[in-house]
PDB file of all heavy atoms in Angstrom:
ATOM      1  N   THR A   1     -14.575-130.685  35.979  1.00  0.00           N
ATOM      2  CA  THR A   1     -14.426-130.756  37.507  1.00  0.00           C
ATOM      3  C   THR A   1     -15.351-129.792  38.364  1.00  0.00           C
ATOM      4  O   THR A   1     -15.601-130.064  39.565  1.00  0.00           O
ATOM      5  CB  THR A   1     -13.011-130.641  37.908  1.00  0.00           C
ATOM      6  OG1 THR A   1     -12.451-129.482  37.376  1.00  0.00           O
ATOM      7  CG2 THR A   1     -12.275-131.870  37.390  1.00  0.00           C
ATOM      8  N   ALA A   2     -15.684-128.550  37.777  1.00  0.00           N
ATOM      9  CA  ALA A   2     -16.487-127.710  38.448  1.00  0.00           C
ATOM     10  C   ALA A   2     -17.733-128.346  38.847  1.00  0.00           C
ATOM     11  O   ALA A   2     -18.461-128.106  39.963  1.00  0.00           O
ATOM     12  CB  ALA A   2     -16.723-126.346  37.685  1.00  0.00           C
ATOM     13  N   GLY A   3     -18.240-129.201  37.901  1.00  0.00           N
ATOM     14  CA  GLY A   3     -19.633-130.007  38.253  1.00  0.00           C
ATOM     15  C   GLY A   3     -19.577-130.952  39.327  1.00  0.00           C
ATOM     16  O   GLY A   3     -20.527-131.403  39.894  1.00  0.00           O
ATOM     17  N   LEU A   4     -18.341-131.340  39.790  1.00  0.00           N
ATOM     18  CA  LEU A   4     -18.173-132.396  40.822  1.00  0.00           C
ATOM     19  C   LEU A   4     -18.688-131.822  42.164  1.00  0.00           C
ATOM     20  O   LEU A   4     -18.928-132.636  42.999  1.00  0.00           O
ATOM     21  CB  LEU A   4     -16.736-132.783  40.980  1.00  0.00           C
ATOM     22  CG  LEU A   4     -16.130-133.537  39.686  1.00  0.00           C
ATOM     23  CD1 LEU A   4     -14.673-133.854  40.040  1.00  0.00           C
ATOM     24  CD2 LEU A   4     -16.810-134.781  39.331  1.00  0.00           C
ATOM     25  N   HIS A   5     -18.834-130.553  42.261  1.00  0.00           N
ATOM     26  CA  HIS A   5     -19.359-130.024  43.564  1.00  0.00           C
ATOM     27  C   HIS A   5     -20.824-130.012  43.817  1.00  0.00           C
ATOM     28  O   HIS A   5     -21.261-129.770  44.875  1.00  0.00           O
ATOM     29  CB  HIS A   5     -18.829-128.480  43.694  1.00  0.00           C
ATOM     30  CG  HIS A   5     -17.415-128.338  43.546  1.00  0.00           C
ATOM     31  ND1 HIS A   5     -16.535-128.708  44.702  1.00  0.00           N
ATOM     32  CD2 HIS A   5     -16.667-127.770  42.637  1.00  0.00           C
ATOM     33  CE1 HIS A   5     -15.339-128.404  44.399  1.00  0.00           C
ATOM     34  NE2 HIS A   5     -15.332-127.844  43.188  1.00  0.00           N
ATOM     35  N   PHE A   6     -21.573-130.378  42.722  1.00  0.00           N
ATOM     36  CA  PHE A   6     -22.998-130.422  42.860  1.00  0.00           C
ATOM     37  C   PHE A   6     -23.599-131.632  43.368  1.00  0.00           C
ATOM     38  O   PHE A   6     -23.151-132.741  43.057  1.00  0.00           O
ATOM     39  CB  PHE A   6     -23.680-130.040  41.467  1.00  0.00           C
ATOM     40  CG  PHE A   6     -23.376-128.525  41.093  1.00  0.00           C
ATOM     41  CD1 PHE A   6     -22.282-128.184  40.466  1.00  0.00           C
ATOM     42  CD2 PHE A   6     -24.445-127.645  41.306  1.00  0.00           C
ATOM     43  CE1 PHE A   6     -22.061-126.765  40.075  1.00  0.00           C
ATOM     44  CE2 PHE A   6     -24.178-126.401  41.045  1.00  0.00           C
ATOM     45  CZ  PHE A   6     -23.002-125.913  40.317  1.00  0.00           C
ATOM     46  N   THR A   7     -24.714-131.534  44.310  1.00  0.00           N
ATOM     47  CA  THR A   7     -25.342-132.521  44.795  1.00  0.00           C
ATOM     48  C   THR A   7     -26.846-132.395  44.308  1.00  0.00           C
ATOM     49  O   THR A   7     -27.184-131.307  43.895  1.00  0.00           O
ATOM     50  CB  THR A   7     -25.322-132.648  46.283  1.00  0.00           C
ATOM     51  OG1 THR A   7     -25.926-131.328  46.778  1.00  0.00           O
ATOM     52  CG2 THR A   7     -23.885-132.768  46.835  1.00  0.00           C
ATOM     53  N   PRO A   8     -27.739-133.462  44.324  1.00  0.00           N
ATOM     54  CA  PRO A   8     -29.087-133.301  44.071  1.00  0.00           C
ATOM     55  C   PRO A   8     -29.711-132.281  44.967  1.00  0.00           C
ATOM     56  O   PRO A   8     -30.623-131.601  44.451  1.00  0.00           O
ATOM     57  CB  PRO A   8     -29.618-134.774  44.224  1.00  0.00           C
ATOM     58  CG  PRO A   8     -28.462-135.725  44.085  1.00  0.00           C
ATOM     59  CD  PRO A   8     -27.305-134.888  44.644  1.00  0.00           C
ATOM     60  N   GLU A   9     -29.278-132.178  46.176  1.00  0.00           N
ATOM     61  CA  GLU A   9     -30.001-131.230  47.058  1.00  0.00           C
ATOM     62  C   GLU A   9     -29.564-129.776  46.744  1.00  0.00           C
ATOM     63  O   GLU A   9     -30.511-128.857  46.758  1.00  0.00           O
ATOM     64  CB  GLU A   9     -29.543-131.531  48.530  1.00  0.00           C
ATOM     65  CG  GLU A   9     -30.040-132.892  49.105  1.00  0.00           C
ATOM     66  CD  GLU A   9     -29.142-134.073  48.537  1.00  0.00           C
ATOM     67  OE1 GLU A   9     -28.202-133.860  47.974  1.00  0.00           O
ATOM     68  OE2 GLU A   9     -29.621-135.177  48.634  1.00  0.00           O
ATOM     69  N   LEU A  10     -28.462-129.627  46.287  1.00  0.00           N
ATOM     70  CA  LEU A  10     -27.987-128.178  45.897  1.00  0.00           C
ATOM     71  C   LEU A  10     -28.688-127.827  44.599  1.00  0.00           C
ATOM     72  O   LEU A  10     -29.041-126.756  44.482  1.00  0.00           O
ATOM     73  CB  LEU A  10     -26.447-128.203  45.712  1.00  0.00           C
ATOM     74  CG  LEU A  10     -25.879-126.803  45.133  1.00  0.00           C
ATOM     75  CD1 LEU A  10     -26.176-125.689  46.113  1.00  0.00           C
ATOM     76  CD2 LEU A  10     -24.369-126.949  44.876  1.00  0.00           C
ATOM     77  N   LEU A  11     -28.817-128.734  43.680  1.00  0.00           N
ATOM     78  CA  LEU A  11     -29.601-128.457  42.481  1.00  0.00           C
ATOM     79  C   LEU A  11     -31.070-128.090  42.774  1.00  0.00           C
ATOM     80  O   LEU A  11     -31.545-127.222  42.119  1.00  0.00           O
ATOM     81  CB  LEU A  11     -29.388-129.605  41.492  1.00  0.00           C
ATOM     82  CG  LEU A  11     -28.118-129.979  40.857  1.00  0.00           C
ATOM     83  CD1 LEU A  11     -28.141-131.274  40.180  1.00  0.00           C
ATOM     84  CD2 LEU A  11     -27.705-128.868  39.958  1.00  0.00           C
ATOM     85  N   GLU A  12     -31.635-128.685  43.692  1.00  0.00           N
ATOM     86  CA  GLU A  12     -32.992-128.485  44.022  1.00  0.00           C
ATOM     87  C   GLU A  12     -33.150-127.070  44.518  1.00  0.00           C
ATOM     88  O   GLU A  12     -33.981-126.351  44.303  1.00  0.00           O
ATOM     89  CB  GLU A  12     -33.522-129.427  45.023  1.00  0.00           C
ATOM     90  CG  GLU A  12     -34.011-130.820  44.397  1.00  0.00           C
ATOM     91  CD  GLU A  12     -35.175-130.568  43.443  1.00  0.00           C
ATOM     92  OE1 GLU A  12     -36.030-129.702  43.714  1.00  0.00           O
ATOM     93  OE2 GLU A  12     -35.249-131.248  42.332  1.00  0.00           O
ATOM     94  N   ARG A  13     -32.198-126.775  45.388  1.00  0.00           N
ATOM     95  CA  ARG A  13     -32.121-125.289  45.911  1.00  0.00           C
ATOM     96  C   ARG A  13     -31.944-124.246  45.003  1.00  0.00           C
ATOM     97  O   ARG A  13     -32.638-123.042  44.952  1.00  0.00           O
ATOM     98  CB  ARG A  13     -31.066-125.241  47.037  1.00  0.00           C
ATOM     99  CG  ARG A  13     -31.295-125.980  48.370  1.00  0.00           C
ATOM    100  CD  ARG A  13     -30.194-125.962  49.296  1.00  0.00           C
ATOM    101  NE  ARG A  13     -29.825-124.529  49.564  1.00  0.00           N
ATOM    102  CZ  ARG A  13     -28.593-124.154  49.724  1.00  0.00           C
ATOM    103  NH1 ARG A  13     -27.515-124.962  49.634  1.00  0.00           N
ATOM    104  NH2 ARG A  13     -28.373-122.868  50.003  1.00  0.00           N
ATOM    105  N   ILE A  14     -31.162-124.591  43.936  1.00  0.00           N
ATOM    106  CA  ILE A  14     -30.947-123.659  42.897  1.00  0.00           C
ATOM    107  C   ILE A  14     -32.243-123.478  41.932  1.00  0.00           C
ATOM    108  O   ILE A  14     -32.629-122.429  41.679  1.00  0.00           O
ATOM    109  CB  ILE A  14     -29.769-124.000  42.057  1.00  0.00           C
ATOM    110  CG1 ILE A  14     -28.467-123.924  42.830  1.00  0.00           C
ATOM    111  CG2 ILE A  14     -29.643-123.240  40.647  1.00  0.00           C
ATOM    112  CD1 ILE A  14     -27.301-124.543  42.059  1.00  0.00           C
ATOM    113  N   ARG A  15     -32.988-124.580  41.743  1.00  0.00           N
ATOM    114  CA  ARG A  15     -34.141-124.588  40.906  1.00  0.00           C
ATOM    115  C   ARG A  15     -35.236-123.687  41.678  1.00  0.00           C
ATOM    116  O   ARG A  15     -35.948-122.966  41.050  1.00  0.00           O
ATOM    117  CB  ARG A  15     -34.596-125.940  40.702  1.00  0.00           C
ATOM    118  CG  ARG A  15     -33.684-126.832  39.818  1.00  0.00           C
ATOM    119  CD  ARG A  15     -34.438-128.139  39.549  1.00  0.00           C
ATOM    120  NE  ARG A  15     -33.416-129.077  38.852  1.00  0.00           N
ATOM    121  CZ  ARG A  15     -32.948-130.153  39.607  1.00  0.00           C
ATOM    122  NH1 ARG A  15     -33.447-130.465  40.731  1.00  0.00           N
ATOM    123  NH2 ARG A  15     -31.956-130.951  39.011  1.00  0.00           N
ATOM    124  N   ALA A  16     -35.216-123.841  43.025  1.00  0.00           N
ATOM    125  CA  ALA A  16     -36.272-123.177  43.859  1.00  0.00           C
ATOM    126  C   ALA A  16     -35.996-121.682  43.820  1.00  0.00           C
ATOM    127  O   ALA A  16     -37.009-120.895  44.043  1.00  0.00           O
ATOM    128  CB  ALA A  16     -36.085-123.635  45.301  1.00  0.00           C
ATOM    129  N   LYS A  17     -34.825-121.357  43.408  1.00  0.00           N
ATOM    130  CA  LYS A  17     -34.455-119.767  43.357  1.00  0.00           C
ATOM    131  C   LYS A  17     -35.003-119.280  41.996  1.00  0.00           C
ATOM    132  O   LYS A  17     -34.901-118.086  41.884  1.00  0.00           O
ATOM    133  CB  LYS A  17     -32.974-119.763  43.467  1.00  0.00           C
ATOM    134  CG  LYS A  17     -32.588-118.281  43.674  1.00  0.00           C
ATOM    135  CD  LYS A  17     -32.907-117.731  45.114  1.00  0.00           C
ATOM    136  CE  LYS A  17     -32.307-116.305  45.219  1.00  0.00           C
ATOM    137  NZ  LYS A  17     -30.900-116.191  45.473  1.00  0.00           N
ATOM    138  N   GLY A  18     -35.576-120.168  41.148  1.00  0.00           N
ATOM    139  CA  GLY A  18     -35.947-119.655  39.866  1.00  0.00           C
ATOM    140  C   GLY A  18     -34.908-119.576  38.757  1.00  0.00           C
ATOM    141  O   GLY A  18     -34.935-118.760  37.851  1.00  0.00           O
ATOM    142  N   VAL A  19     -33.784-120.368  39.078  1.00  0.00           N
ATOM    143  CA  VAL A  19     -32.581-120.313  38.153  1.00  0.00           C
ATOM    144  C   VAL A  19     -32.773-121.594  37.193  1.00  0.00           C
ATOM    145  O   VAL A  19     -33.106-122.609  37.576  1.00  0.00           O
ATOM    146  CB  VAL A  19     -31.361-120.547  38.886  1.00  0.00           C
ATOM    147  CG1 VAL A  19     -30.116-120.695  37.896  1.00  0.00           C
ATOM    148  CG2 VAL A  19     -31.125-119.287  39.792  1.00  0.00           C
ATOM    149  N   GLU A  20     -32.610-121.279  35.917  1.00  0.00           N
ATOM    150  CA  GLU A  20     -32.708-122.455  34.940  1.00  0.00           C
ATOM    151  C   GLU A  20     -31.419-123.266  34.921  1.00  0.00           C
ATOM    152  O   GLU A  20     -30.353-122.748  35.200  1.00  0.00           O
ATOM    153  CB  GLU A  20     -32.944-121.817  33.545  1.00  0.00           C
ATOM    154  CG  GLU A  20     -34.334-121.134  33.334  1.00  0.00           C
ATOM    155  CD  GLU A  20     -34.515-120.572  32.035  1.00  0.00           C
ATOM    156  OE1 GLU A  20     -33.565-120.783  31.146  1.00  0.00           O
ATOM    157  OE2 GLU A  20     -35.412-119.811  31.708  1.00  0.00           O
ATOM    158  N   GLU A  21     -31.586-124.443  34.464  1.00  0.00           N
ATOM    159  CA  GLU A  21     -30.399-125.245  34.096  1.00  0.00           C
ATOM    160  C   GLU A  21     -30.415-125.730  32.766  1.00  0.00           C
ATOM    161  O   GLU A  21     -31.448-126.282  32.281  1.00  0.00           O
ATOM    162  CB  GLU A  21     -30.177-126.456  35.187  1.00  0.00           C
ATOM    163  CG  GLU A  21     -31.407-127.393  35.286  1.00  0.00           C
ATOM    164  CD  GLU A  21     -31.194-128.332  36.275  1.00  0.00           C
ATOM    165  OE1 GLU A  21     -30.888-127.959  37.457  1.00  0.00           O
ATOM    166  OE2 GLU A  21     -31.475-129.517  36.010  1.00  0.00           O
ATOM    167  N   HIS A  22     -29.341-125.743  31.975  1.00  0.00           N
ATOM    168  CA  HIS A  22     -29.260-126.168  30.642  1.00  0.00           C
ATOM    169  C   HIS A  22     -28.037-127.060  30.481  1.00  0.00           C
ATOM    170  O   HIS A  22     -26.974-126.819  31.234  1.00  0.00           O
ATOM    171  CB  HIS A  22     -29.297-125.213  29.667  1.00  0.00           C
ATOM    172  CG  HIS A  22     -30.524-124.179  29.781  1.00  0.00           C
ATOM    173  ND1 HIS A  22     -31.748-124.622  29.194  1.00  0.00           N
ATOM    174  CD2 HIS A  22     -30.750-123.066  30.371  1.00  0.00           C
ATOM    175  CE1 HIS A  22     -32.764-123.814  29.594  1.00  0.00           C
ATOM    176  NE2 HIS A  22     -32.051-122.733  30.206  1.00  0.00           N
ATOM    177  N   PHE A  23     -28.057-127.994  29.546  1.00  0.00           N
ATOM    178  CA  PHE A  23     -26.980-128.924  29.453  1.00  0.00           C
ATOM    179  C   PHE A  23     -26.370-128.912  28.039  1.00  0.00           C
ATOM    180  O   PHE A  23     -27.108-128.934  27.018  1.00  0.00           O
ATOM    181  CB  PHE A  23     -27.384-130.363  29.724  1.00  0.00           C
ATOM    182  CG  PHE A  23     -27.943-130.508  31.139  1.00  0.00           C
ATOM    183  CD1 PHE A  23     -29.167-130.361  31.513  1.00  0.00           C
ATOM    184  CD2 PHE A  23     -26.937-130.883  32.104  1.00  0.00           C
ATOM    185  CE1 PHE A  23     -29.539-130.545  32.872  1.00  0.00           C
ATOM    186  CE2 PHE A  23     -27.269-131.096  33.548  1.00  0.00           C
ATOM    187  CZ  PHE A  23     -28.573-130.838  33.840  1.00  0.00           C
ATOM    188  N   VAL A  24     -25.081-128.975  27.940  1.00  0.00           N
ATOM    189  CA  VAL A  24     -24.377-129.149  26.650  1.00  0.00           C
ATOM    190  C   VAL A  24     -23.407-130.247  26.927  1.00  0.00           C
ATOM    191  O   VAL A  24     -23.198-130.776  28.072  1.00  0.00           O
ATOM    192  CB  VAL A  24     -23.673-127.822  26.385  1.00  0.00           C
ATOM    193  CG1 VAL A  24     -24.575-126.661  25.993  1.00  0.00           C
ATOM    194  CG2 VAL A  24     -22.584-127.538  27.431  1.00  0.00           C
ATOM    195  N   THR A  25     -22.864-130.753  25.835  1.00  0.00           N
ATOM    196  CA  THR A  25     -21.798-131.837  25.918  1.00  0.00           C
ATOM    197  C   THR A  25     -20.550-131.511  25.271  1.00  0.00           C
ATOM    198  O   THR A  25     -20.490-131.180  24.102  1.00  0.00           O
ATOM    199  CB  THR A  25     -22.564-133.073  25.223  1.00  0.00           C
ATOM    200  OG1 THR A  25     -23.771-133.465  25.836  1.00  0.00           O
ATOM    201  CG2 THR A  25     -21.583-134.366  25.360  1.00  0.00           C
ATOM    202  N   LEU A  26     -19.487-131.534  26.043  1.00  0.00           N
ATOM    203  CA  LEU A  26     -18.211-131.491  25.472  1.00  0.00           C
ATOM    204  C   LEU A  26     -17.281-132.697  26.075  1.00  0.00           C
ATOM    205  O   LEU A  26     -17.208-132.668  27.387  1.00  0.00           O
ATOM    206  CB  LEU A  26     -17.552-130.157  25.844  1.00  0.00           C
ATOM    207  CG  LEU A  26     -16.151-129.943  25.226  1.00  0.00           C
ATOM    208  CD1 LEU A  26     -16.096-129.764  23.779  1.00  0.00           C
ATOM    209  CD2 LEU A  26     -15.265-128.860  25.844  1.00  0.00           C
ATOM    210  N   HIS A  27     -16.946-133.522  25.229  1.00  0.00           N
ATOM    211  CA  HIS A  27     -16.170-134.683  25.826  1.00  0.00           C
ATOM    212  C   HIS A  27     -14.713-134.231  25.996  1.00  0.00           C
ATOM    213  O   HIS A  27     -13.835-134.076  25.128  1.00  0.00           O
ATOM    214  CB  HIS A  27     -16.254-135.812  24.751  1.00  0.00           C
ATOM    215  CG  HIS A  27     -17.544-136.435  24.592  1.00  0.00           C
ATOM    216  ND1 HIS A  27     -18.381-136.736  25.686  1.00  0.00           N
ATOM    217  CD2 HIS A  27     -18.220-136.757  23.482  1.00  0.00           C
ATOM    218  CE1 HIS A  27     -19.398-137.276  25.245  1.00  0.00           C
ATOM    219  NE2 HIS A  27     -19.453-137.219  23.959  1.00  0.00           N
ATOM    220  N   VAL A  28     -14.302-134.083  27.298  1.00  0.00           N
ATOM    221  CA  VAL A  28     -13.059-133.558  27.764  1.00  0.00           C
ATOM    222  C   VAL A  28     -12.028-134.612  27.333  1.00  0.00           C
ATOM    223  O   VAL A  28     -12.108-135.762  27.698  1.00  0.00           O
ATOM    224  CB  VAL A  28     -13.102-133.240  29.183  1.00  0.00           C
ATOM    225  CG1 VAL A  28     -11.796-132.571  29.604  1.00  0.00           C
ATOM    226  CG2 VAL A  28     -14.298-132.544  29.640  1.00  0.00           C
ATOM    227  N   GLY A  29     -10.964-134.259  26.642  1.00  0.00           N
ATOM    228  CA  GLY A  29      -9.878-135.068  26.256  1.00  0.00           C
ATOM    229  C   GLY A  29      -8.674-135.003  27.267  1.00  0.00           C
ATOM    230  O   GLY A  29      -8.544-134.069  28.057  1.00  0.00           O
ATOM    231  N   ALA A  30      -7.760-135.949  27.062  1.00  0.00           N
ATOM    232  CA  ALA A  30      -6.586-135.986  28.030  1.00  0.00           C
ATOM    233  C   ALA A  30      -5.640-134.798  27.643  1.00  0.00           C
ATOM    234  O   ALA A  30      -4.793-134.441  28.391  1.00  0.00           O
ATOM    235  CB  ALA A  30      -5.737-137.294  27.639  1.00  0.00           C
ATOM    236  N   GLY A  31      -5.870-134.143  26.530  1.00  0.00           N
ATOM    237  CA  GLY A  31      -5.084-132.926  26.191  1.00  0.00           C
ATOM    238  C   GLY A  31      -5.218-131.862  27.175  1.00  0.00           C
ATOM    239  O   GLY A  31      -4.327-130.866  27.207  1.00  0.00           O
ATOM    240  N   THR A  32      -6.356-131.875  27.918  1.00  0.00           N
ATOM    241  CA  THR A  32      -6.428-130.858  28.894  1.00  0.00           C
ATOM    242  C   THR A  32      -5.296-130.866  29.948  1.00  0.00           C
ATOM    243  O   THR A  32      -5.160-129.852  30.720  1.00  0.00           O
ATOM    244  CB  THR A  32      -7.817-131.018  29.626  1.00  0.00           C
ATOM    245  OG1 THR A  32      -8.188-129.933  30.533  1.00  0.00           O
ATOM    246  CG2 THR A  32      -7.861-132.230  30.525  1.00  0.00           C
ATOM    247  N   PHE A  33      -4.665-132.038  30.134  1.00  0.00           N
ATOM    248  CA  PHE A  33      -3.594-132.105  31.060  1.00  0.00           C
ATOM    249  C   PHE A  33      -2.156-131.839  30.518  1.00  0.00           C
ATOM    250  O   PHE A  33      -1.197-131.822  31.213  1.00  0.00           O
ATOM    251  CB  PHE A  33      -3.562-133.441  31.719  1.00  0.00           C
ATOM    252  CG  PHE A  33      -4.915-133.820  32.549  1.00  0.00           C
ATOM    253  CD1 PHE A  33      -5.517-134.996  32.183  1.00  0.00           C
ATOM    254  CD2 PHE A  33      -5.408-132.928  33.495  1.00  0.00           C
ATOM    255  CE1 PHE A  33      -6.787-135.338  32.802  1.00  0.00           C
ATOM    256  CE2 PHE A  33      -6.594-133.296  34.185  1.00  0.00           C
ATOM    257  CZ  PHE A  33      -7.250-134.522  33.743  1.00  0.00           C
ATOM    258  N   LEU A  34      -2.096-131.631  29.160  1.00  0.00           N
ATOM    259  CA  LEU A  34      -0.789-131.485  28.581  1.00  0.00           C
ATOM    260  C   LEU A  34      -0.226-130.092  28.953  1.00  0.00           C
ATOM    261  O   LEU A  34      -0.923-129.124  28.923  1.00  0.00           O
ATOM    262  CB  LEU A  34      -0.879-131.607  27.119  1.00  0.00           C
ATOM    263  CG  LEU A  34      -1.215-133.024  26.504  1.00  0.00           C
ATOM    264  CD1 LEU A  34      -1.385-132.968  24.964  1.00  0.00           C
ATOM    265  CD2 LEU A  34      -0.188-133.963  26.945  1.00  0.00           C
ATOM    266  N   PRO A  35       1.009-129.918  29.382  1.00  0.00           N
ATOM    267  CA  PRO A  35       1.575-128.765  29.630  1.00  0.00           C
ATOM    268  C   PRO A  35       1.742-127.797  28.463  1.00  0.00           C
ATOM    269  O   PRO A  35       1.818-128.438  27.274  1.00  0.00           O
ATOM    270  CB  PRO A  35       2.986-129.120  30.230  1.00  0.00           C
ATOM    271  CG  PRO A  35       3.304-130.458  29.569  1.00  0.00           C
ATOM    272  CD  PRO A  35       1.881-131.100  29.437  1.00  0.00           C
ATOM    273  N   VAL A  36       1.820-126.504  28.658  1.00  0.00           N
ATOM    274  CA  VAL A  36       2.214-125.632  27.559  1.00  0.00           C
ATOM    275  C   VAL A  36       3.616-125.583  27.439  1.00  0.00           C
ATOM    276  O   VAL A  36       4.335-125.009  28.326  1.00  0.00           O
ATOM    277  CB  VAL A  36       1.506-124.222  27.771  1.00  0.00           C
ATOM    278  CG1 VAL A  36       1.959-123.299  26.610  1.00  0.00           C
ATOM    279  CG2 VAL A  36      -0.033-124.321  27.960  1.00  0.00           C
ATOM    280  N   LYS A  37       4.347-126.132  26.490  1.00  0.00           N
ATOM    281  CA  LYS A  37       5.727-126.214  26.222  1.00  0.00           C
ATOM    282  C   LYS A  37       6.312-125.010  25.492  1.00  0.00           C
ATOM    283  O   LYS A  37       7.359-124.720  25.566  1.00  0.00           O
ATOM    284  CB  LYS A  37       5.983-127.427  25.536  1.00  0.00           C
ATOM    285  CG  LYS A  37       5.676-128.714  26.337  1.00  0.00           C
ATOM    286  CD  LYS A  37       6.186-130.020  25.627  1.00  0.00           C
ATOM    287  CE  LYS A  37       5.833-131.217  26.385  1.00  0.00           C
ATOM    288  NZ  LYS A  37       6.230-132.580  25.764  1.00  0.00           N
ATOM    289  N   ALA A  38       5.376-124.327  24.783  1.00  0.00           N
ATOM    290  CA  ALA A  38       5.860-123.161  24.164  1.00  0.00           C
ATOM    291  C   ALA A  38       6.179-122.032  24.971  1.00  0.00           C
ATOM    292  O   ALA A  38       5.694-121.910  26.249  1.00  0.00           O
ATOM    293  CB  ALA A  38       4.739-122.643  23.044  1.00  0.00           C
ATOM    294  N   ASP A  39       7.083-121.076  24.501  1.00  0.00           N
ATOM    295  CA  ASP A  39       7.399-119.869  25.357  1.00  0.00           C
ATOM    296  C   ASP A  39       6.398-118.769  25.204  1.00  0.00           C
ATOM    297  O   ASP A  39       6.194-117.920  26.051  1.00  0.00           O
ATOM    298  CB  ASP A  39       8.897-119.380  24.984  1.00  0.00           C
ATOM    299  CG  ASP A  39       9.935-120.427  25.366  1.00  0.00           C
ATOM    300  OD1 ASP A  39       9.690-121.030  26.412  1.00  0.00           O
ATOM    301  OD2 ASP A  39      10.970-120.489  24.601  1.00  0.00           O
ATOM    302  N   ASP A  40       5.752-118.813  24.122  1.00  0.00           N
ATOM    303  CA  ASP A  40       4.667-117.784  23.809  1.00  0.00           C
ATOM    304  C   ASP A  40       3.262-118.379  23.456  1.00  0.00           C
ATOM    305  O   ASP A  40       3.244-119.430  22.905  1.00  0.00           O
ATOM    306  CB  ASP A  40       5.124-116.926  22.649  1.00  0.00           C
ATOM    307  CG  ASP A  40       4.253-115.660  22.568  1.00  0.00           C
ATOM    308  OD1 ASP A  40       3.218-115.719  21.990  1.00  0.00           O
ATOM    309  OD2 ASP A  40       4.701-114.512  22.934  1.00  0.00           O
ATOM    310  N   THR A  41       2.261-117.887  23.985  1.00  0.00           N
ATOM    311  CA  THR A  41       1.015-118.336  23.862  1.00  0.00           C
ATOM    312  C   THR A  41       0.605-118.636  22.370  1.00  0.00           C
ATOM    313  O   THR A  41      -0.163-119.536  21.980  1.00  0.00           O
ATOM    314  CB  THR A  41      -0.140-117.608  24.451  1.00  0.00           C
ATOM    315  OG1 THR A  41      -0.140-116.335  24.000  1.00  0.00           O
ATOM    316  CG2 THR A  41       0.063-117.731  25.989  1.00  0.00           C
ATOM    317  N   ALA A  42       1.040-117.774  21.444  1.00  0.00           N
ATOM    318  CA  ALA A  42       0.823-117.762  20.143  1.00  0.00           C
ATOM    319  C   ALA A  42       1.492-118.992  19.441  1.00  0.00           C
ATOM    320  O   ALA A  42       0.965-119.465  18.318  1.00  0.00           O
ATOM    321  CB  ALA A  42       1.521-116.516  19.348  1.00  0.00           C
TER     322      ALA A  42
END
């Protein structure tokens, strides 16, 4: 969701600043929405 804020115009402005962009792939799963039910993080 952090990436939802980017537009083509914003990316162009960032490139013009001399900032590189690189891509990785992580397929986000539904587990990201699961609550932490344990009392301790361990």
